[in-house]
N, C-alpha and C. Protein backbone atom coordinates (compact mmCIF):
# COMPACT_ATOMS: atom_id res chain seq x y z
N MET A 1 -21.64 0.14 -21.16
CA MET A 1 -22.21 1.09 -20.65
C MET A 1 -23.83 1.41 -20.55
N LYS A 2 -24.42 0.65 -21.30
CA LYS A 2 -25.61 0.75 -21.45
C LYS A 2 -26.52 -0.19 -20.63
N GLY A 3 -25.65 -0.88 -19.67
CA GLY A 3 -26.22 -2.00 -18.85
C GLY A 3 -26.80 -3.31 -19.48
N GLU A 4 -26.34 -3.65 -20.76
CA GLU A 4 -26.83 -4.64 -21.44
C GLU A 4 -26.04 -5.87 -21.51
N MET A 5 -24.84 -5.72 -20.93
CA MET A 5 -23.80 -6.78 -20.92
C MET A 5 -24.19 -7.94 -19.74
N ILE A 6 -23.82 -9.19 -20.20
CA ILE A 6 -24.52 -10.06 -19.24
C ILE A 6 -22.93 -11.09 -18.88
N VAL A 7 -22.62 -11.23 -17.71
CA VAL A 7 -21.30 -12.16 -17.36
C VAL A 7 -22.22 -13.08 -16.25
N ARG A 8 -21.79 -14.46 -16.26
CA ARG A 8 -22.29 -15.27 -15.69
C ARG A 8 -23.54 -15.36 -15.22
N GLY A 9 -24.20 -15.04 -16.14
CA GLY A 9 -25.81 -14.92 -15.92
C GLY A 9 -26.36 -13.88 -15.33
N GLN A 10 -25.48 -12.66 -14.99
CA GLN A 10 -25.92 -11.58 -14.28
C GLN A 10 -25.50 -10.28 -14.92
N ARG A 11 -26.24 -9.47 -14.93
CA ARG A 11 -26.23 -8.09 -15.80
C ARG A 11 -25.05 -7.41 -15.08
N VAL A 12 -24.09 -6.76 -15.84
CA VAL A 12 -23.25 -6.06 -15.27
C VAL A 12 -23.56 -4.52 -14.92
N ASP A 13 -23.39 -3.97 -13.74
CA ASP A 13 -23.75 -2.71 -13.32
C ASP A 13 -22.52 -2.05 -12.93
N LEU A 14 -22.00 -1.07 -13.65
CA LEU A 14 -21.10 -0.52 -13.33
C LEU A 14 -20.98 0.52 -12.10
N GLY A 15 -22.31 0.95 -12.03
CA GLY A 15 -22.65 1.62 -10.88
C GLY A 15 -22.12 1.08 -9.49
N LYS A 16 -22.17 -0.14 -9.51
CA LYS A 16 -21.73 -1.06 -8.15
C LYS A 16 -20.20 -1.43 -8.12
N LEU A 17 -19.43 -0.76 -9.11
CA LEU A 17 -18.16 -0.91 -9.01
C LEU A 17 -17.52 0.33 -8.11
N GLN A 18 -16.98 -0.32 -7.11
CA GLN A 18 -16.39 0.67 -5.91
C GLN A 18 -15.11 0.82 -5.52
N ALA A 19 -14.21 -0.18 -6.35
CA ALA A 19 -12.90 -0.50 -6.50
C ALA A 19 -12.10 0.78 -6.53
N ASN A 20 -11.15 0.73 -6.02
CA ASN A 20 -10.04 2.11 -6.85
C ASN A 20 -9.88 1.89 -8.19
N LEU A 21 -9.60 2.79 -9.02
CA LEU A 21 -9.73 2.49 -10.65
C LEU A 21 -8.60 3.55 -10.94
N LEU A 22 -7.73 2.97 -11.67
CA LEU A 22 -6.61 3.68 -12.63
C LEU A 22 -7.16 3.37 -14.08
N THR A 23 -7.34 4.39 -14.75
CA THR A 23 -7.94 4.07 -16.24
C THR A 23 -6.63 4.83 -17.02
N VAL A 24 -5.76 4.11 -17.45
CA VAL A 24 -4.71 4.23 -18.53
C VAL A 24 -5.08 4.41 -19.82
N ILE A 25 -5.00 5.57 -20.31
CA ILE A 25 -5.49 5.78 -21.67
C ILE A 25 -4.38 6.17 -22.63
N ALA A 26 -4.40 5.33 -23.62
CA ALA A 26 -3.51 6.03 -24.63
C ALA A 26 -4.04 6.82 -25.71
N GLU A 27 -3.54 8.12 -25.83
CA GLU A 27 -3.97 9.09 -26.40
C GLU A 27 -4.32 8.94 -28.06
N GLY A 28 -3.36 8.12 -28.65
CA GLY A 28 -3.56 7.82 -30.22
C GLY A 28 -4.46 6.21 -30.45
N ASP A 29 -4.82 5.80 -29.30
CA ASP A 29 -5.64 4.29 -29.20
C ASP A 29 -6.69 4.48 -30.20
N HIS A 30 -6.65 3.25 -31.11
CA HIS A 30 -7.78 3.32 -32.19
C HIS A 30 -8.53 2.20 -31.80
N ILE A 31 -8.14 1.48 -30.81
CA ILE A 31 -9.20 0.19 -30.34
C ILE A 31 -9.98 0.59 -29.42
N ALA A 32 -9.57 1.27 -28.55
CA ALA A 32 -10.00 1.48 -27.33
C ALA A 32 -10.08 3.38 -26.94
N PRO A 33 -10.92 4.20 -28.18
CA PRO A 33 -10.39 5.31 -28.04
C PRO A 33 -10.77 6.28 -26.79
N PRO A 34 -10.05 7.25 -26.49
CA PRO A 34 -9.78 7.91 -25.22
C PRO A 34 -11.25 8.12 -25.00
N CYS A 35 -12.24 8.80 -25.60
CA CYS A 35 -13.70 9.31 -25.20
C CYS A 35 -14.20 7.93 -24.48
N GLN A 36 -14.08 6.91 -25.25
CA GLN A 36 -14.74 5.46 -24.52
C GLN A 36 -14.14 5.23 -23.20
N SER A 37 -13.21 5.09 -23.08
CA SER A 37 -12.17 4.85 -21.95
C SER A 37 -12.54 5.76 -20.93
N GLU A 38 -12.44 7.31 -21.13
CA GLU A 38 -12.93 8.52 -20.07
C GLU A 38 -14.38 8.01 -19.42
N ALA A 39 -15.25 7.33 -20.54
CA ALA A 39 -16.70 7.73 -20.15
C ALA A 39 -17.00 6.42 -18.98
N ILE A 40 -16.08 5.62 -18.55
CA ILE A 40 -16.39 4.47 -17.85
C ILE A 40 -16.62 5.13 -16.36
N LEU A 41 -15.57 6.39 -16.02
CA LEU A 41 -15.83 6.80 -15.05
C LEU A 41 -16.92 7.61 -14.24
N SER A 42 -17.59 8.07 -15.38
CA SER A 42 -18.79 8.77 -14.91
C SER A 42 -19.96 7.71 -14.46
N LYS A 43 -19.55 6.40 -14.74
CA LYS A 43 -20.59 5.37 -14.40
C LYS A 43 -20.25 4.68 -13.20
N VAL A 44 -18.83 4.47 -12.62
CA VAL A 44 -18.38 3.69 -11.57
C VAL A 44 -18.71 4.68 -10.29
N THR A 45 -18.91 4.29 -9.07
CA THR A 45 -19.27 4.94 -8.05
C THR A 45 -17.74 4.83 -7.26
N SER A 46 -16.81 4.35 -7.49
CA SER A 46 -15.26 4.21 -6.78
C SER A 46 -15.15 5.89 -6.54
N LEU A 47 -14.63 6.03 -5.02
CA LEU A 47 -14.13 7.05 -4.87
C LEU A 47 -12.84 7.51 -5.17
N ASP A 48 -11.94 6.58 -5.58
CA ASP A 48 -10.56 6.90 -5.59
C ASP A 48 -10.63 6.33 -7.33
N LYS A 49 -10.55 7.35 -7.95
CA LYS A 49 -10.37 6.99 -9.63
C LYS A 49 -9.22 8.00 -10.11
N GLU A 50 -8.67 7.69 -11.18
CA GLU A 50 -7.49 8.45 -11.56
C GLU A 50 -7.58 8.19 -13.16
N ILE A 51 -7.36 9.07 -13.84
CA ILE A 51 -7.12 9.03 -15.51
C ILE A 51 -5.59 9.26 -15.86
N PHE A 52 -4.88 8.35 -16.47
CA PHE A 52 -3.36 8.64 -16.64
C PHE A 52 -3.32 8.69 -18.19
N ARG A 53 -3.25 9.74 -18.88
CA ARG A 53 -2.90 9.67 -20.37
C ARG A 53 -1.49 9.50 -20.88
N VAL A 54 -1.38 8.78 -21.68
CA VAL A 54 -0.01 8.31 -22.33
C VAL A 54 -0.13 8.67 -23.67
N PRO A 55 0.99 9.11 -24.03
CA PRO A 55 0.91 9.37 -25.74
C PRO A 55 1.29 7.99 -26.36
N GLY A 56 0.47 7.81 -27.45
CA GLY A 56 0.95 6.70 -27.99
C GLY A 56 -0.29 5.80 -28.18
N GLY A 57 -0.32 4.49 -28.73
CA GLY A 57 -1.51 3.47 -29.09
C GLY A 57 -1.55 2.85 -28.11
N HIS A 58 -2.62 1.83 -28.72
CA HIS A 58 -2.97 0.66 -27.68
C HIS A 58 -1.98 -0.09 -27.24
N ILE A 59 -1.24 -0.94 -28.09
CA ILE A 59 -0.24 -1.66 -27.47
C ILE A 59 1.17 -0.99 -27.16
N GLY A 60 1.68 0.30 -27.70
CA GLY A 60 2.74 0.90 -27.39
C GLY A 60 2.87 1.44 -26.02
N ILE A 61 1.70 1.91 -25.44
CA ILE A 61 1.64 2.49 -24.19
C ILE A 61 2.09 1.57 -22.95
N MET A 62 1.94 0.38 -23.15
CA MET A 62 2.34 -0.84 -22.27
C MET A 62 3.64 -1.45 -22.79
N ALA A 63 3.98 -1.51 -24.05
CA ALA A 63 4.92 -2.30 -24.42
C ALA A 63 5.94 -1.74 -25.25
N GLY A 64 5.62 -0.44 -25.40
CA GLY A 64 6.63 0.60 -26.53
C GLY A 64 7.97 0.78 -25.47
N SER A 65 8.72 1.26 -26.55
CA SER A 65 10.13 2.08 -25.80
C SER A 65 9.96 2.93 -24.81
N SER A 66 8.75 3.72 -24.42
CA SER A 66 8.65 4.74 -23.48
C SER A 66 8.20 4.05 -22.31
N ALA A 67 7.34 2.65 -22.76
CA ALA A 67 6.37 2.22 -21.58
C ALA A 67 7.45 2.10 -20.08
N ARG A 68 8.33 1.35 -20.08
CA ARG A 68 9.25 1.26 -18.90
C ARG A 68 9.62 2.76 -18.18
N LYS A 69 9.70 3.52 -18.82
CA LYS A 69 9.95 4.92 -18.17
C LYS A 69 8.77 5.80 -17.94
N GLN A 70 7.74 5.59 -18.85
CA GLN A 70 6.38 6.50 -18.25
C GLN A 70 5.40 5.57 -17.73
N THR A 71 4.73 4.81 -18.50
CA THR A 71 3.60 3.98 -17.71
C THR A 71 3.80 3.29 -16.70
N TRP A 72 4.76 2.18 -16.75
CA TRP A 72 5.04 1.33 -15.88
C TRP A 72 5.21 1.84 -14.42
N PRO A 73 6.26 2.97 -14.25
CA PRO A 73 6.36 3.53 -13.04
C PRO A 73 5.03 4.32 -12.73
N HIS A 74 4.28 5.04 -13.47
CA HIS A 74 3.07 5.37 -12.77
C HIS A 74 2.30 4.33 -12.26
N ILE A 75 2.10 3.28 -13.01
CA ILE A 75 1.03 2.35 -12.66
C ILE A 75 1.50 1.66 -11.19
N ASP A 76 3.20 1.80 -11.13
CA ASP A 76 3.62 0.94 -10.00
C ASP A 76 3.27 2.19 -8.87
N GLY A 77 3.46 3.39 -9.01
CA GLY A 77 3.46 4.25 -7.80
C GLY A 77 1.97 4.40 -7.36
N TRP A 78 1.19 4.30 -8.39
CA TRP A 78 -0.29 4.25 -8.29
C TRP A 78 -0.74 2.98 -7.27
N LEU A 79 -0.35 1.79 -7.76
CA LEU A 79 -0.68 0.62 -7.00
C LEU A 79 0.03 0.69 -5.71
N GLY A 80 1.32 1.10 -5.56
CA GLY A 80 2.03 1.08 -4.33
C GLY A 80 1.53 2.18 -3.44
N ALA A 81 0.83 3.18 -3.61
CA ALA A 81 0.29 3.90 -2.79
C ALA A 81 -0.96 3.37 -2.12
N ARG A 82 -1.52 2.40 -2.95
CA ARG A 82 -2.84 1.83 -2.40
C ARG A 82 -2.71 0.50 -1.67
N SER A 83 -1.04 0.06 -1.38
CA SER A 83 -1.04 -1.45 -0.99
C SER A 83 -0.48 -1.21 0.36
N GLY A 84 -0.02 -0.27 0.74
CA GLY A 84 0.78 0.00 1.90
C GLY A 84 1.96 -0.55 1.87
N GLN A 85 2.55 -0.67 0.81
CA GLN A 85 3.82 -0.99 0.87
C GLN A 85 4.83 0.05 0.31
N LYS A 86 6.07 -0.07 0.57
CA LYS A 86 6.69 1.32 -0.01
C LYS A 86 7.19 0.67 -1.39
N GLN A 87 7.15 2.01 -2.26
CA GLN A 87 7.66 2.17 -3.77
C GLN A 87 8.96 1.78 -3.92
N GLY A 88 9.27 0.95 -5.25
CA GLY A 88 10.09 0.69 -5.43
C GLY A 88 11.08 -0.29 -4.67
N GLY A 89 10.41 -0.71 -3.78
CA GLY A 89 11.39 -1.95 -2.82
C GLY A 89 10.78 -3.24 -3.09
N ASN A 90 11.49 -4.27 -2.61
CA ASN A 90 11.15 -5.57 -2.90
C ASN A 90 10.65 -6.29 -1.47
N ASN A 91 9.31 -5.61 -1.19
CA ASN A 91 8.49 -5.94 -0.06
C ASN A 91 7.78 -7.28 -0.26
């Protein structure tokens, strides 16, 4: 966030990130608190960016009992809408 991270010898500049961005936030996350996950959206220049809030913790939102019905279908739909493929099919 401060522009201090170096990857492969180059400083990371979030302002150069223009890719579509889906930020999945676990409302009860103690590893990556929601306030930190939300903050990245103000730094990137992506035009297509969305926050998807899910009740649960860091691992639970992706692997918990409700992930299959709540988290993964939303991610599938978000990616499908941007891939040019029909959603829910075997394309």
